[in-house]
Amino acid sequence: MVGILGLLWSLVTFPFKSKTRLEVKVLALRHQVNVLQRRAPKRLSVEYYNQGRTRLALGKDSPIARPVETEGYIVAHRVLGDIHHRYARL
């Protein structure tokens, strides 16, 4: 008898627990999205798209071309909050 009452009780309370769990998951996901939005750059840099980003139509060159560097070691420069990198030689 106790087992049946416990089963009925769990069936009655199960939808409420799942709704609460879903609300907690939604709050956690909203928090993660807010954190990621704060860390992401607010606006994409026009300089990056004109000077650093290569395009296939231009023969894998950028619209504002840079001279070819052949000597020195390669260094990565952070662009757009470390989302992209521009490589140059020193």
Protein backbone atom coordinates (compact mmCIF):
# COMPACT_ATOMS: atom_id res chain seq x y z
CA MET A 1 0.00 0.00 0.00
CA VAL A 2 2.82 2.40 0.90
CA GLY A 3 4.54 1.59 -2.39
CA ILE A 4 1.39 2.41 -4.37
CA LEU A 5 0.90 5.70 -2.50
CA GLY A 6 4.55 6.58 -3.10
CA LEU A 7 4.13 5.82 -6.81
CA LEU A 8 0.99 7.96 -7.03
CA TRP A 9 2.72 10.78 -5.17
CA SER A 10 5.70 10.68 -7.53
CA LEU A 11 3.39 10.68 -10.58
CA VAL A 12 1.53 13.71 -9.24
CA THR A 13 4.66 15.68 -8.33
CA PHE A 14 6.82 14.66 -11.35
CA PRO A 15 5.53 17.37 -13.76
CA PHE A 16 6.25 20.09 -11.20
CA LYS A 17 9.78 18.86 -10.61
CA SER A 18 10.49 18.68 -14.32
CA LYS A 19 9.19 22.22 -14.87
CA THR A 20 11.41 23.49 -12.08
CA ARG A 21 14.39 21.63 -13.52
CA LEU A 22 13.69 23.12 -16.94
CA GLU A 23 13.49 26.61 -15.46
CA VAL A 24 16.86 26.08 -13.75
CA LYS A 25 18.38 24.87 -17.02
CA VAL A 26 16.98 27.88 -18.89
CA LEU A 27 18.41 30.24 -16.27
CA ALA A 28 21.81 28.54 -16.53
CA LEU A 29 21.77 28.79 -20.33
CA ARG A 30 20.78 32.47 -20.18
CA HIS A 31 23.66 33.11 -17.82
CA GLN A 32 26.09 31.38 -20.20
CA VAL A 33 24.80 33.42 -23.14
CA ASN A 34 25.19 36.65 -21.15
CA VAL A 35 28.76 35.77 -20.22
CA LEU A 36 29.63 34.94 -23.82
CA GLN A 37 28.04 38.16 -25.09
CA ARG A 38 30.10 40.22 -22.65
CA ARG A 39 33.32 38.55 -23.78
CA ALA A 40 32.58 38.80 -27.52
CA PRO A 41 33.59 41.91 -29.45
CA LYS A 42 30.76 44.38 -29.81
CA ARG A 43 31.44 45.26 -33.43
CA LEU A 44 33.49 43.54 -36.07
CA SER A 45 36.44 45.60 -37.10
CA VAL A 46 36.35 47.06 -40.60
CA GLU A 47 40.13 47.15 -40.58
CA TYR A 48 40.27 43.40 -40.17
CA TYR A 49 38.00 42.79 -43.15
CA ASN A 50 39.89 45.23 -45.37
CA GLN A 51 43.47 44.54 -44.31
CA GLY A 52 43.70 41.12 -42.74
CA ARG A 53 41.06 38.82 -44.15
CA THR A 54 41.96 37.04 -47.37
CA ARG A 55 39.55 36.45 -50.23
CA LEU A 56 39.56 33.73 -52.85
CA ALA A 57 38.42 36.14 -55.57
CA LEU A 58 41.59 38.21 -55.01
CA GLY A 59 43.91 35.22 -55.23
CA LYS A 60 43.93 34.72 -51.45
CA ASP A 61 44.99 38.30 -50.86
CA SER A 62 43.28 41.02 -48.86
CA PRO A 63 41.72 44.11 -50.50
CA ILE A 64 44.48 46.29 -49.03
CA ALA A 65 47.53 44.18 -49.79
CA ARG A 66 50.59 43.94 -47.55
CA PRO A 67 54.12 43.39 -48.79
CA VAL A 68 55.40 39.82 -48.73
CA GLU A 69 57.71 39.24 -45.78
CA THR A 70 60.33 36.54 -46.34
CA GLU A 71 62.77 36.96 -43.44
CA GLY A 72 62.29 36.67 -39.70
CA TYR A 73 60.26 34.45 -37.46
CA ILE A 74 56.46 34.26 -37.54
CA VAL A 75 54.43 35.98 -34.82
CA ALA A 76 50.65 35.80 -34.35
CA HIS A 77 48.85 39.08 -33.64
CA ARG A 78 45.47 38.89 -31.94
CA VAL A 79 42.57 40.31 -33.93
CA LEU A 80 38.95 40.80 -32.82
CA GLY A 81 39.47 39.82 -29.21
CA ASP A 82 41.54 36.73 -29.99
CA ILE A 83 38.92 35.29 -32.32
CA HIS A 84 41.23 35.61 -35.32
CA HIS A 85 44.97 35.98 -35.73
CA ARG A 86 47.06 37.88 -38.25
CA TYR A 87 50.47 36.38 -38.83
CA ALA A 88 53.50 38.53 -39.60
CA ARG A 89 57.25 38.15 -39.57
CA LEU A 90 59.62 40.01 -37.26
